[in-house]
PDB file of N, CA and C in Angstrom:
ATOM      1  N   MET A   1       0.943  -1.190   0.158  1.00  0.00           N
ATOM      2  CA  MET A   1       0.220  -0.045  -0.012  1.00  0.00           C
ATOM      3  C   MET A   1       0.967   0.920   0.063  1.00  0.00           C
ATOM      4  N   LYS A   2       1.654   1.377  -1.076  1.00  0.00           N
ATOM      5  CA  LYS A   2       2.648   2.494  -1.177  1.00  0.00           C
ATOM      6  C   LYS A   2       1.800   3.701  -1.337  1.00  0.00           C
ATOM      7  N   PHE A   3       0.792   3.629  -1.763  1.00  0.00           N
ATOM      8  CA  PHE A   3      -0.272   4.964  -1.928  1.00  0.00           C
ATOM      9  C   PHE A   3      -0.623   5.705  -0.879  1.00  0.00           C
ATOM     10  N   LEU A   4      -0.559   4.846   0.520  1.00  0.00           N
ATOM     11  CA  LEU A   4      -0.901   5.291   1.465  1.00  0.00           C
ATOM     12  C   LEU A   4       0.145   5.934   2.353  1.00  0.00           C
ATOM     13  N   SER A   5       1.385   5.678   1.835  1.00  0.00           N
ATOM     14  CA  SER A   5       2.593   6.325   2.436  1.00  0.00           C
ATOM     15  C   SER A   5       2.959   7.897   2.325  1.00  0.00           C
ATOM     16  N   TRP A   6       3.591   8.675   3.197  1.00  0.00           N
ATOM     17  CA  TRP A   6       3.487  10.299   2.971  1.00  0.00           C
ATOM     18  C   TRP A   6       4.013  10.446   1.791  1.00  0.00           C
ATOM     19  N   PRO A   7       5.202   9.925   0.947  1.00  0.00           N
ATOM     20  CA  PRO A   7       5.240  10.827  -0.173  1.00  0.00           C
ATOM     21  C   PRO A   7       4.575  10.824  -1.368  1.00  0.00           C
ATOM     22  N   TYR A   8       3.410   9.922  -1.175  1.00  0.00           N
ATOM     23  CA  TYR A   8       2.215  10.051  -1.900  1.00  0.00           C
ATOM     24  C   TYR A   8       0.844  10.664  -1.439  1.00  0.00           C
ATOM     25  N   LEU A   9       0.913  10.479  -0.084  1.00  0.00           N
ATOM     26  CA  LEU A   9      -0.165  11.237   0.432  1.00  0.00           C
ATOM     27  C   LEU A   9      -0.015  12.919   0.274  1.00  0.00           C
ATOM     28  N   ALA A  10       1.132  13.346   0.842  1.00  0.00           N
ATOM     29  CA  ALA A  10       1.546  14.791   1.029  1.00  0.00           C
ATOM     30  C   ALA A  10       1.051  15.521  -0.287  1.00  0.00           C
ATOM     31  N   PRO A  11       1.768  15.103  -1.194  1.00  0.00           N
ATOM     32  CA  PRO A  11       1.090  16.053  -2.222  1.00  0.00           C
ATOM     33  C   PRO A  11      -0.109  16.153  -2.787  1.00  0.00           C
ATOM     34  N   VAL A  12      -0.976  14.824  -2.584  1.00  0.00           N
ATOM     35  CA  VAL A  12      -2.452  14.931  -2.830  1.00  0.00           C
ATOM     36  C   VAL A  12      -3.168  15.902  -1.792  1.00  0.00           C
ATOM     37  N   LEU A  13      -2.863  15.737  -0.262  1.00  0.00           N
ATOM     38  CA  LEU A  13      -3.494  16.639   0.673  1.00  0.00           C
ATOM     39  C   LEU A  13      -2.949  18.100   0.313  1.00  0.00           C
ATOM     40  N   MET A  14      -1.716  18.466  -0.007  1.00  0.00           N
ATOM     41  CA  MET A  14      -1.291  19.829  -0.263  1.00  0.00           C
ATOM     42  C   MET A  14      -2.394  20.342  -1.278  1.00  0.00           C
ATOM     43  N   LEU A  15      -2.352  19.577  -2.594  1.00  0.00           N
ATOM     44  CA  LEU A  15      -2.983  20.211  -3.770  1.00  0.00           C
ATOM     45  C   LEU A  15      -4.515  20.068  -3.415  1.00  0.00           C
ATOM     46  N   GLY A  16      -5.073  19.540  -2.692  1.00  0.00           N
ATOM     47  CA  GLY A  16      -6.280  19.895  -2.262  1.00  0.00           C
ATOM     48  C   GLY A  16      -6.283  21.042  -1.172  1.00  0.00           C
ATOM     49  N   ALA A  17      -5.665  21.224  -0.389  1.00  0.00           N
ATOM     50  CA  ALA A  17      -5.278  22.659   0.603  1.00  0.00           C
ATOM     51  C   ALA A  17      -5.017  23.577  -0.435  1.00  0.00           C
ATOM     52  N   SER A  18      -4.209  23.854  -1.392  1.00  0.00           N
ATOM     53  CA  SER A  18      -4.001  24.692  -2.389  1.00  0.00           C
ATOM     54  C   SER A  18      -5.318  25.007  -3.339  1.00  0.00           C
ATOM     55  N   ASN A  19      -6.214  23.915  -3.618  1.00  0.00           N
ATOM     56  CA  ASN A  19      -7.183  24.455  -4.325  1.00  0.00           C
ATOM     57  C   ASN A  19      -8.216  24.962  -3.393  1.00  0.00           C
ATOM     58  N   LEU A  20      -8.368  24.819  -2.358  1.00  0.00           N
ATOM     59  CA  LEU A  20      -9.550  25.908  -1.174  1.00  0.00           C
ATOM     60  C   LEU A  20      -9.084  27.024  -1.095  1.00  0.00           C
ATOM     61  N   PHE A  21      -7.575  27.177  -1.102  1.00  0.00           N
ATOM     62  CA  PHE A  21      -7.399  28.780  -1.309  1.00  0.00           C
ATOM     63  C   PHE A  21      -7.461  29.431  -2.740  1.00  0.00           C
ATOM     64  N   MET A  22      -7.598  28.622  -3.775  1.00  0.00           N
ATOM     65  CA  MET A  22      -7.616  28.982  -5.083  1.00  0.00           C
ATOM     66  C   MET A  22      -8.924  29.351  -5.442  1.00  0.00           C
ATOM     67  N   THR A  23      -9.902  28.257  -5.296  1.00  0.00           N
ATOM     68  CA  THR A  23     -11.381  28.516  -5.251  1.00  0.00           C
ATOM     69  C   THR A  23     -11.843  29.671  -4.376  1.00  0.00           C
ATOM     70  N   PHE A  24     -11.692  29.750  -3.552  1.00  0.00           N
ATOM     71  CA  PHE A  24     -11.949  30.810  -2.523  1.00  0.00           C
ATOM     72  C   PHE A  24     -11.593  32.006  -3.053  1.00  0.00           C
ATOM     73  N   ALA A  25     -10.302  32.166  -3.559  1.00  0.00           N
ATOM     74  CA  ALA A  25      -9.747  33.239  -4.308  1.00  0.00           C
ATOM     75  C   ALA A  25     -10.592  33.940  -5.419  1.00  0.00           C
ATOM     76  N   TRP A  26     -10.910  32.730  -6.322  1.00  0.00           N
ATOM     77  CA  TRP A  26     -11.927  33.159  -7.500  1.00  0.00           C
ATOM     78  C   TRP A  26     -13.231  33.401  -7.505  1.00  0.00           C
ATOM     79  N   TYR A  27     -13.725  32.998  -6.348  1.00  0.00           N
ATOM     80  CA  TYR A  27     -15.189  32.727  -6.118  1.00  0.00           C
ATOM     81  C   TYR A  27     -16.063  33.425  -4.998  1.00  0.00           C
ATOM     82  N   TRP A  28     -15.048  33.794  -3.989  1.00  0.00           N
ATOM     83  CA  TRP A  28     -15.644  34.409  -2.549  1.00  0.00           C
ATOM     84  C   TRP A  28     -16.330  35.823  -2.723  1.00  0.00           C
ATOM     85  N   HIS A  29     -15.916  36.349  -3.817  1.00  0.00           N
ATOM     86  CA  HIS A  29     -16.664  37.712  -3.990  1.00  0.00           C
ATOM     87  C   HIS A  29     -18.163  37.874  -4.340  1.00  0.00           C
ATOM     88  N   LEU A  30     -18.606  36.492  -4.866  1.00  0.00           N
ATOM     89  CA  LEU A  30     -19.651  36.446  -5.384  1.00  0.00           C
ATOM     90  C   LEU A  30     -20.615  36.946  -4.528  1.00  0.00           C
ATOM     91  N   LYS A  31     -20.758  36.708  -3.039  1.00  0.00           N
ATOM     92  CA  LYS A  31     -21.377  36.937  -2.268  1.00  0.00           C
ATOM     93  C   LYS A  31     -21.447  38.512  -1.907  1.00  0.00           C
ATOM     94  N   PHE A  32     -20.388  39.077  -2.628  1.00  0.00           N
ATOM     95  CA  PHE A  32     -19.992  40.588  -1.914  1.00  0.00           C
ATOM     96  C   PHE A  32     -20.160  41.465  -3.523  1.00  0.00           C
ATOM     97  N   LYS A  33     -21.224  41.380  -4.229  1.00  0.00           N
ATOM     98  CA  LYS A  33     -21.169  41.845  -5.561  1.00  0.00           C
ATOM     99  C   LYS A  33     -21.016  43.345  -5.546  1.00  0.00           C
ATOM    100  N   HIS A  34     -21.178  44.205  -4.463  1.00  0.00           N
ATOM    101  CA  HIS A  34     -20.930  45.526  -4.501  1.00  0.00           C
ATOM    102  C   HIS A  34     -19.751  45.783  -4.037  1.00  0.00           C
ATOM    103  N   THR A  35     -19.184  45.139  -3.504  1.00  0.00           N
ATOM    104  CA  THR A  35     -17.676  45.454  -3.263  1.00  0.00           C
ATOM    105  C   THR A  35     -17.036  45.796  -4.728  1.00  0.00           C
ATOM    106  N   PRO A  36     -16.133  46.910  -4.554  1.00  0.00           N
ATOM    107  CA  PRO A  36     -15.592  47.540  -5.641  1.00  0.00           C
ATOM    108  C   PRO A  36     -14.460  46.436  -6.433  1.00  0.00           C
ATOM    109  N   LEU A  37     -14.673  46.250  -7.674  1.00  0.00           N
ATOM    110  CA  LEU A  37     -13.688  44.960  -8.647  1.00  0.00           C
ATOM    111  C   LEU A  37     -11.904  45.239  -8.300  1.00  0.00           C
ATOM    112  N   LEU A  38     -11.439  46.408  -7.954  1.00  0.00           N
ATOM    113  CA  LEU A  38     -10.308  46.456  -7.800  1.00  0.00           C
ATOM    114  C   LEU A  38      -9.883  46.123  -6.242  1.00  0.00           C
ATOM    115  N   LYS A  39     -11.057  46.006  -5.464  1.00  0.00           N
ATOM    116  CA  LYS A  39     -10.692  45.876  -4.184  1.00  0.00           C
ATOM    117  C   LYS A  39     -10.713  43.973  -4.336  1.00  0.00           C
ATOM    118  N   VAL A  40     -11.810  43.814  -4.750  1.00  0.00           N
ATOM    119  CA  VAL A  40     -11.719  42.001  -5.122  1.00  0.00           C
ATOM    120  C   VAL A  40     -10.673  41.324  -5.500  1.00  0.00           C
ATOM    121  N   ILE A  41     -10.236  42.292  -6.666  1.00  0.00           N
ATOM    122  CA  ILE A  41      -8.813  41.427  -7.324  1.00  0.00           C
ATOM    123  C   ILE A  41      -7.697  41.829  -6.301  1.00  0.00           C
ATOM    124  N   LEU A  42      -7.576  42.666  -5.738  1.00  0.00           N
ATOM    125  CA  LEU A  42      -6.470  42.718  -4.616  1.00  0.00           C
ATOM    126  C   LEU A  42      -6.485  41.491  -3.767  1.00  0.00           C
ATOM    127  N   ILE A  43      -7.634  41.882  -3.154  1.00  0.00           N
ATOM    128  CA  ILE A  43      -7.917  40.648  -1.747  1.00  0.00           C
ATOM    129  C   ILE A  43      -7.527  39.294  -2.455  1.00  0.00           C
ATOM    130  N   SER A  44      -8.226  39.050  -3.869  1.00  0.00           N
ATOM    131  CA  SER A  44      -8.175  37.567  -4.355  1.00  0.00           C
ATOM    132  C   SER A  44      -6.705  37.230  -4.836  1.00  0.00           C
ATOM    133  N   TRP A  45      -5.745  38.330  -4.817  1.00  0.00           N
ATOM    134  CA  TRP A  45      -4.334  38.166  -5.040  1.00  0.00           C
ATOM    135  C   TRP A  45      -3.674  37.639  -3.689  1.00  0.00           C
ATOM    136  N   LEU A  46      -3.908  38.002  -2.694  1.00  0.00           N
ATOM    137  CA  LEU A  46      -3.629  37.883  -1.596  1.00  0.00           C
ATOM    138  C   LEU A  46      -3.665  36.516  -1.034  1.00  0.00           C
ATOM    139  N   ILE A  47      -5.250  36.311  -1.422  1.00  0.00           N
ATOM    140  CA  ILE A  47      -5.468  34.417  -1.285  1.00  0.00           C
ATOM    141  C   ILE A  47      -4.537  33.885  -2.089  1.00  0.00           C
ATOM    142  N   ALA A  48      -4.724  34.160  -3.270  1.00  0.00           N
ATOM    143  CA  ALA A  48      -3.866  33.228  -4.250  1.00  0.00           C
ATOM    144  C   ALA A  48      -2.251  33.086  -3.731  1.00  0.00           C
ATOM    145  N   GLY A  49      -1.919  33.811  -3.326  1.00  0.00           N
ATOM    146  CA  GLY A  49      -0.546  33.964  -2.895  1.00  0.00           C
ATOM    147  C   GLY A  49      -0.517  32.749  -1.683  1.00  0.00           C
ATOM    148  N   ALA A  50      -1.211  32.626  -0.999  1.00  0.00           N
ATOM    149  CA  ALA A  50      -1.387  31.349  -0.297  1.00  0.00           C
ATOM    150  C   ALA A  50      -1.330  29.712  -0.898  1.00  0.00           C
ATOM    151  N   GLU A  51      -2.107  30.266  -2.039  1.00  0.00           N
ATOM    152  CA  GLU A  51      -2.202  28.922  -2.588  1.00  0.00           C
ATOM    153  C   GLU A  51      -1.286  28.560  -3.658  1.00  0.00           C
ATOM    154  N   TYR A  52      -0.488  29.517  -4.258  1.00  0.00           N
ATOM    155  CA  TYR A  52       1.122  28.998  -4.495  1.00  0.00           C
ATOM    156  C   TYR A  52       1.894  28.644  -3.678  1.00  0.00           C
ATOM    157  N   ALA A  53       1.920  29.171  -2.428  1.00  0.00           N
ATOM    158  CA  ALA A  53       3.067  28.810  -1.474  1.00  0.00           C
ATOM    159  C   ALA A  53       2.514  27.448  -1.146  1.00  0.00           C
ATOM    160  N   ILE A  54       1.145  26.770  -1.336  1.00  0.00           N
ATOM    161  CA  ILE A  54       1.162  25.177  -1.039  1.00  0.00           C
ATOM    162  C   ILE A  54       1.686  24.512  -2.358  1.00  0.00           C
ATOM    163  N   ALA A  55       1.043  24.938  -3.628  1.00  0.00           N
ATOM    164  CA  ALA A  55       1.020  24.186  -4.517  1.00  0.00           C
ATOM    165  C   ALA A  55       2.314  24.040  -5.119  1.00  0.00           C
ATOM    166  N   VAL A  56       3.124  24.965  -5.139  1.00  0.00           N
ATOM    167  CA  VAL A  56       4.663  25.111  -5.555  1.00  0.00           C
ATOM    168  C   VAL A  56       5.358  23.910  -5.161  1.00  0.00           C
ATOM    169  N   PRO A  57       5.212  23.783  -3.756  1.00  0.00           N
ATOM    170  CA  PRO A  57       6.056  22.507  -2.917  1.00  0.00           C
ATOM    171  C   PRO A  57       5.157  21.351  -3.039  1.00  0.00           C
ATOM    172  N   ALA A  58       3.911  21.162  -3.106  1.00  0.00           N
ATOM    173  CA  ALA A  58       3.214  20.194  -3.025  1.00  0.00           C
ATOM    174  C   ALA A  58       3.618  19.600  -4.759  1.00  0.00           C
ATOM    175  N   ASN A  59       4.095  20.114  -5.618  1.00  0.00           N
ATOM    176  CA  ASN A  59       4.099  19.920  -6.933  1.00  0.00           C
ATOM    177  C   ASN A  59       5.563  19.482  -6.992  1.00  0.00           C
ATOM    178  N   ARG A  60       6.534  20.150  -6.229  1.00  0.00           N
ATOM    179  CA  ARG A  60       8.371  19.794  -6.325  1.00  0.00           C
ATOM    180  C   ARG A  60       8.220  18.417  -5.452  1.00  0.00           C
ATOM    181  N   LEU A  61       7.587  18.156  -4.256  1.00  0.00           N
ATOM    182  CA  LEU A  61       7.833  17.164  -3.403  1.00  0.00           C
ATOM    183  C   LEU A  61       7.136  15.977  -3.915  1.00  0.00           C
ATOM    184  N   GLY A  62       5.824  16.267  -4.730  1.00  0.00           N
ATOM    185  CA  GLY A  62       5.029  15.070  -5.684  1.00  0.00           C
ATOM    186  C   GLY A  62       5.754  14.654  -6.893  1.00  0.00           C
ATOM    187  N   SER A  63       6.774  15.232  -7.484  1.00  0.00           N
ATOM    188  CA  SER A  63       7.742  15.040  -8.498  1.00  0.00           C
ATOM    189  C   SER A  63       8.378  13.962  -8.046  1.00  0.00           C
ATOM    190  N   ALA A  64       8.782  13.614  -7.100  1.00  0.00           N
ATOM    191  CA  ALA A  64       9.515  12.264  -6.575  1.00  0.00           C
ATOM    192  C   ALA A  64       8.848  10.870  -6.759  1.00  0.00           C
ATOM    193  N   VAL A  65       7.289  11.180  -6.650  1.00  0.00           N
ATOM    194  CA  VAL A  65       6.463   9.852  -6.952  1.00  0.00           C
ATOM    195  C   VAL A  65       5.701   9.601  -8.013  1.00  0.00           C
ATOM    196  N   TYR A  66       5.162  10.979  -8.517  1.00  0.00           N
ATOM    197  CA  TYR A  66       4.470  11.032  -9.631  1.00  0.00           C
ATOM    198  C   TYR A  66       4.779  11.813 -10.846  1.00  0.00           C
ATOM    199  N   SER A  67       4.560  11.568 -11.894  1.00  0.00           N
ATOM    200  CA  SER A  67       4.756  12.303 -13.161  1.00  0.00           C
ATOM    201  C   SER A  67       4.146  13.803 -13.191  1.00  0.00           C
ATOM    202  N   PRO A  68       4.591  14.346 -14.056  1.00  0.00           N
ATOM    203  CA  PRO A  68       3.982  15.784 -14.064  1.00  0.00           C
ATOM    204  C   PRO A  68       2.323  15.818 -14.521  1.00  0.00           C
ATOM    205  N   THR A  69       2.185  14.748 -15.402  1.00  0.00           N
ATOM    206  CA  THR A  69       0.487  14.387 -16.030  1.00  0.00           C
ATOM    207  C   THR A  69      -0.205  14.299 -14.889  1.00  0.00           C
ATOM    208  N   GLN A  70       0.348  13.030 -13.915  1.00  0.00           N
ATOM    209  CA  GLN A  70      -0.052  12.683 -12.800  1.00  0.00           C
ATOM    210  C   GLN A  70      -0.609  13.845 -12.051  1.00  0.00           C
ATOM    211  N   LEU A  71       0.380  14.728 -11.566  1.00  0.00           N
ATOM    212  CA  LEU A  71       0.337  16.111 -10.666  1.00  0.00           C
ATOM    213  C   LEU A  71      -0.897  16.702 -10.932  1.00  0.00           C
ATOM    214  N   LYS A  72      -0.942  16.961 -12.426  1.00  0.00           N
ATOM    215  CA  LYS A  72      -1.640  17.921 -13.033  1.00  0.00           C
ATOM    216  C   LYS A  72      -3.109  17.139 -12.772  1.00  0.00           C
ATOM    217  N   THR A  73      -3.399  15.965 -12.903  1.00  0.00           N
ATOM    218  CA  THR A  73      -4.453  14.832 -12.931  1.00  0.00           C
ATOM    219  C   THR A  73      -4.840  15.347 -11.614  1.00  0.00           C
ATOM    220  N   ILE A  74      -4.361  14.920 -10.512  1.00  0.00           N
ATOM    221  CA  ILE A  74      -4.606  15.234  -9.257  1.00  0.00           C
ATOM    222  C   ILE A  74      -5.058  16.584  -8.833  1.00  0.00           C
ATOM    223  N   GLN A  75      -4.275  17.558  -9.169  1.00  0.00           N
ATOM    224  CA  GLN A  75      -4.882  18.911  -9.202  1.00  0.00           C
ATOM    225  C   GLN A  75      -6.403  19.432  -9.777  1.00  0.00           C
ATOM    226  N   GLU A  76      -6.543  18.600 -10.750  1.00  0.00           N
ATOM    227  CA  GLU A  76      -7.972  18.944 -11.230  1.00  0.00           C
ATOM    228  C   GLU A  76      -9.052  18.329 -10.580  1.00  0.00           C
ATOM    229  N   GLY A  77      -8.699  16.888 -10.174  1.00  0.00           N
ATOM    230  CA  GLY A  77      -9.568  16.056  -9.512  1.00  0.00           C
ATOM    231  C   GLY A  77      -9.857  16.880  -7.933  1.00  0.00           C
ATOM    232  N   ALA A  78      -8.681  17.535  -7.502  1.00  0.00           N
ATOM    233  CA  ALA A  78      -9.107  18.120  -6.131  1.00  0.00           C
ATOM    234  C   ALA A  78      -9.998  19.463  -6.409  1.00  0.00           C
ATOM    235  N   THR A  79      -9.734  20.244  -7.474  1.00  0.00           N
ATOM    236  CA  THR A  79     -10.378  21.252  -7.991  1.00  0.00           C
ATOM    237  C   THR A  79     -12.023  20.750  -7.902  1.00  0.00           C
ATOM    238  N   LEU A  80     -12.239  19.616  -8.874  1.00  0.00           N
ATOM    239  CA  LEU A  80     -13.472  19.634  -8.715  1.00  0.00           C
ATOM    240  C   LEU A  80     -14.466  19.375  -7.414  1.00  0.00           C
ATOM    241  N   ILE A  81     -13.715  18.579  -6.314  1.00  0.00           N
ATOM    242  CA  ILE A  81     -13.866  18.169  -5.255  1.00  0.00           C
ATOM    243  C   ILE A  81     -14.315  19.365  -4.492  1.00  0.00           C
ATOM    244  N   VAL A  82     -13.206  20.269  -3.918  1.00  0.00           N
ATOM    245  CA  VAL A  82     -13.311  21.144  -3.614  1.00  0.00           C
ATOM    246  C   VAL A  82     -14.502  22.385  -3.906  1.00  0.00           C
ATOM    247  N   PHE A  83     -14.620  22.570  -5.368  1.00  0.00           N
ATOM    248  CA  PHE A  83     -15.833  23.263  -5.871  1.00  0.00           C
ATOM    249  C   PHE A  83     -16.949  22.943  -5.415  1.00  0.00           C
ATOM    250  N   VAL A  84     -17.268  21.589  -5.433  1.00  0.00           N
ATOM    251  CA  VAL A  84     -18.526  21.293  -5.209  1.00  0.00           C
ATOM    252  C   VAL A  84     -18.732  21.290  -3.817  1.00  0.00           C
ATOM    253  N   ALA A  85     -17.968  20.993  -2.929  1.00  0.00           N
ATOM    254  CA  ALA A  85     -18.130  21.451  -1.527  1.00  0.00           C
ATOM    255  C   ALA A  85     -18.319  23.014  -1.335  1.00  0.00           C
ATOM    256  N   PHE A  86     -17.788  23.747  -1.780  1.00  0.00           N
ATOM    257  CA  PHE A  86     -17.543  25.303  -1.606  1.00  0.00           C
ATOM    258  C   PHE A  86     -18.696  25.771  -2.459  1.00  0.00           C
ATOM    259  N   SER A  87     -19.037  25.273  -3.265  1.00  0.00           N
ATOM    260  CA  SER A  87     -20.487  25.937  -3.995  1.00  0.00           C
ATOM    261  C   SER A  87     -21.647  25.608  -3.127  1.00  0.00           C
ATOM    262  N   ALA A  88     -21.656  24.490  -2.581  1.00  0.00           N
ATOM    263  CA  ALA A  88     -22.863  23.911  -1.896  1.00  0.00           C
ATOM    264  C   ALA A  88     -22.787  24.611  -0.319  1.00  0.00           C
ATOM    265  N   LEU A  89     -21.554  24.597   0.272  1.00  0.00           N
ATOM    266  CA  LEU A  89     -21.687  25.398   1.749  1.00  0.00           C
ATOM    267  C   LEU A  89     -21.213  26.957   1.465  1.00  0.00           C
ATOM    268  N   TYR A  90     -20.532  27.203   0.786  1.00  0.00           N
ATOM    269  CA  TYR A  90     -20.436  28.996   0.918  1.00  0.00           C
ATOM    270  C   TYR A  90     -21.367  29.654   0.221  1.00  0.00           C
ATOM    271  N   LEU A  91     -21.627  29.201  -1.291  1.00  0.00           N
ATOM    272  CA  LEU A  91     -22.358  29.646  -1.838  1.00  0.00           C
ATOM    273  C   LEU A  91     -23.785  29.541  -1.827  1.00  0.00           C
ATOM    274  N   GLY A  92     -24.122  28.234  -1.193  1.00  0.00           N
ATOM    275  CA  GLY A  92     -25.669  27.934  -0.934  1.00  0.00           C
ATOM    276  C   GLY A  92     -26.187  27.352  -2.371  1.00  0.00           C
ATOM    277  N   GLU A  93     -25.688  26.851  -3.168  1.00  0.00           N
ATOM    278  CA  GLU A  93     -25.890  26.293  -4.728  1.00  0.00           C
ATOM    279  C   GLU A  93     -26.139  24.663  -4.186  1.00  0.00           C
ATOM    280  N   PRO A  94     -27.591  24.548  -4.670  1.00  0.00           N
ATOM    281  CA  PRO A  94     -27.945  23.153  -4.477  1.00  0.00           C
ATOM    282  C   PRO A  94     -27.329  22.367  -5.064  1.00  0.00           C
ATOM    283  N   LEU A  95     -26.796  21.007  -4.632  1.00  0.00           N
ATOM    284  CA  LEU A  95     -25.961  20.279  -4.986  1.00  0.00           C
ATOM    285  C   LEU A  95     -27.377  19.202  -6.004  1.00  0.00           C
ATOM    286  N   ARG A  96     -26.899  19.459  -7.319  1.00  0.00           N
ATOM    287  CA  ARG A  96     -27.519  18.452  -8.002  1.00  0.00           C
ATOM    288  C   ARG A  96     -27.020  17.254  -8.882  1.00  0.00           C
ATOM    289  N   LEU A  97     -27.949  16.326  -8.925  1.00  0.00           N
ATOM    290  CA  LEU A  97     -27.481  15.063  -8.999  1.00  0.00           C
ATOM    291  C   LEU A  97     -26.592  14.864 -10.704  1.00  0.00           C
ATOM    292  N   SER A  98     -27.152  15.793 -11.391  1.00  0.00           N
ATOM    293  CA  SER A  98     -26.390  15.962 -12.933  1.00  0.00           C
ATOM    294  C   SER A  98     -24.916  16.822 -12.690  1.00  0.00           C
ATOM    295  N   THR A  99     -24.854  17.719 -11.617  1.00  0.00           N
ATOM    296  CA  THR A  99     -23.494  18.087 -11.595  1.00  0.00           C
ATOM    297  C   THR A  99     -22.415  16.917 -10.909  1.00  0.00           C
ATOM    298  N   ILE A 100     -23.244  16.223  -9.871  1.00  0.00           N
ATOM    299  CA  ILE A 100     -22.244  14.996  -9.326  1.00  0.00           C
ATOM    300  C   ILE A 100     -21.727  14.193 -10.425  1.00  0.00           C
ATOM    301  N   ALA A 101     -22.810  13.868 -11.450  1.00  0.00           N
ATOM    302  CA  ALA A 101     -22.676  12.653 -12.038  1.00  0.00           C
ATOM    303  C   ALA A 101     -21.419  13.354 -13.266  1.00  0.00           C
ATOM    304  N   GLY A 102     -21.740  14.854 -13.519  1.00  0.00           N
ATOM    305  CA  GLY A 102     -20.734  15.334 -14.633  1.00  0.00           C
ATOM    306  C   GLY A 102     -19.416  15.289 -14.017  1.00  0.00           C
ATOM    307  N   PHE A 103     -19.112  15.582 -12.796  1.00  0.00           N
ATOM    308  CA  PHE A 103     -18.020  15.829 -12.222  1.00  0.00           C
ATOM    309  C   PHE A 103     -17.376  14.283 -12.311  1.00  0.00           C
ATOM    310  N   VAL A 104     -18.162  13.495 -11.777  1.00  0.00           N
ATOM    311  CA  VAL A 104     -17.486  11.836 -11.582  1.00  0.00           C
ATOM    312  C   VAL A 104     -17.262  11.278 -12.989  1.00  0.00           C
ATOM    313  N   LEU A 105     -17.783  11.842 -13.987  1.00  0.00           N
ATOM    314  CA  LEU A 105     -17.186  11.300 -15.579  1.00  0.00           C
ATOM    315  C   LEU A 105     -15.937  11.950 -15.742  1.00  0.00           C
ATOM    316  N   ILE A 106     -15.768  13.242 -15.372  1.00  0.00           N
ATOM    317  CA  ILE A 106     -14.595  14.410 -15.613  1.00  0.00           C
ATOM    318  C   ILE A 106     -13.440  13.454 -14.620  1.00  0.00           C
ATOM    319  N   CYS A 107     -13.904  12.987 -13.441  1.00  0.00           N
ATOM    320  CA  CYS A 107     -13.100  12.448 -12.855  1.00  0.00           C
ATOM    321  C   CYS A 107     -12.825  10.890 -13.117  1.00  0.00           C
ATOM    322  N   ALA A 108     -13.375  10.361 -13.789  1.00  0.00           N
ATOM    323  CA  ALA A 108     -13.061   8.912 -14.458  1.00  0.00           C
ATOM    324  C   ALA A 108     -12.603   9.272 -15.731  1.00  0.00           C
ATOM    325  N   GLY A 109     -12.670  10.194 -16.540  1.00  0.00           N
ATOM    326  CA  GLY A 109     -11.492  10.398 -17.278  1.00  0.00           C
ATOM    327  C   GLY A 109     -10.202  10.691 -17.088  1.00  0.00           C
ATOM    328  N   ALA A 110     -10.019  11.474 -16.208  1.00  0.00           N
ATOM    329  CA  ALA A 110      -8.833  11.956 -15.369  1.00  0.00           C
ATOM    330  C   ALA A 110      -8.230  10.495 -15.044  1.00  0.00           C
ATOM    331  N   ALA A 111      -8.626   9.556 -14.224  1.00  0.00           N
ATOM    332  CA  ALA A 111      -8.135   8.479 -13.867  1.00  0.00           C
ATOM    333  C   ALA A 111      -7.625   7.909 -14.733  1.00  0.00           C
ATOM    334  N   LEU A 112      -7.972   7.678 -16.106  1.00  0.00           N
ATOM    335  CA  LEU A 112      -7.276   7.106 -17.203  1.00  0.00           C
ATOM    336  C   LEU A 112      -5.725   7.373 -16.981  1.00  0.00           C
ATOM    337  N   VAL A 113      -5.388   8.734 -16.800  1.00  0.00           N
ATOM    338  CA  VAL A 113      -3.860   9.020 -16.686  1.00  0.00           C
ATOM    339  C   VAL A 113      -3.181   8.185 -15.862  1.00  0.00           C
ATOM    340  N   PHE A 114      -3.643   7.505 -15.141  1.00  0.00           N
ATOM    341  CA  PHE A 114      -3.099   6.829 -13.980  1.00  0.00           C
ATOM    342  C   PHE A 114      -2.949   5.098 -14.311  1.00  0.00           C
ATOM    343  N   LEU A 115      -3.747   4.778 -15.398  1.00  0.00           N
ATOM    344  CA  LEU A 115      -3.619   3.609 -16.113  1.00  0.00           C
ATOM    345  C   LEU A 115      -2.021   3.308 -16.454  1.00  0.00           C
ATOM    346  N   GLY A 116      -1.581   2.194 -16.130  1.00  0.00           N
ATOM    347  CA  GLY A 116      -0.325   1.581 -16.484  1.00  0.00           C
ATOM    348  C   GLY A 116       0.917   2.590 -16.151  1.00  0.00           C
ATOM    349  N   ARG A 117       0.821   3.385 -15.172  1.00  0.00           N
ATOM    350  CA  ARG A 117       1.795   3.790 -14.689  1.00  0.00           C
ATOM    351  C   ARG A 117       1.972   3.452 -13.004  1.00  0.00           C
ATOM    352  N   GLY A 118       3.116   3.744 -12.547  1.00  0.00           N
ATOM    353  CA  GLY A 118       3.204   3.719 -11.145  1.00  0.00           C
ATOM    354  C   GLY A 118       3.896   2.261 -10.851  1.00  0.00           C
TER     355      GLY A 118
END
């Protein structure tokens, strides 16, 4: 079960955390539509800085056990998972079966990247 060892788990957890910051940076302001756009951009840049501080080391560490294509695929999967939770919990968007099904199909396609590797 090498995939449960820290060298494999750390990049996945870090990419998940970085996606939380990036999703927040991109979408937090939708609840504050009267906030001036320049202010929203500056706040979002600050939040995105934290995302980079996590994502860059995650990719550096992850490159020891994953290919760059696999790292990008992990990142995209994390993006979908984080966004579903964020949109439901923060933005109050109802979780629809069609959304879940669509994201599952995207993740299934992304999983093909891992076939025959590792």
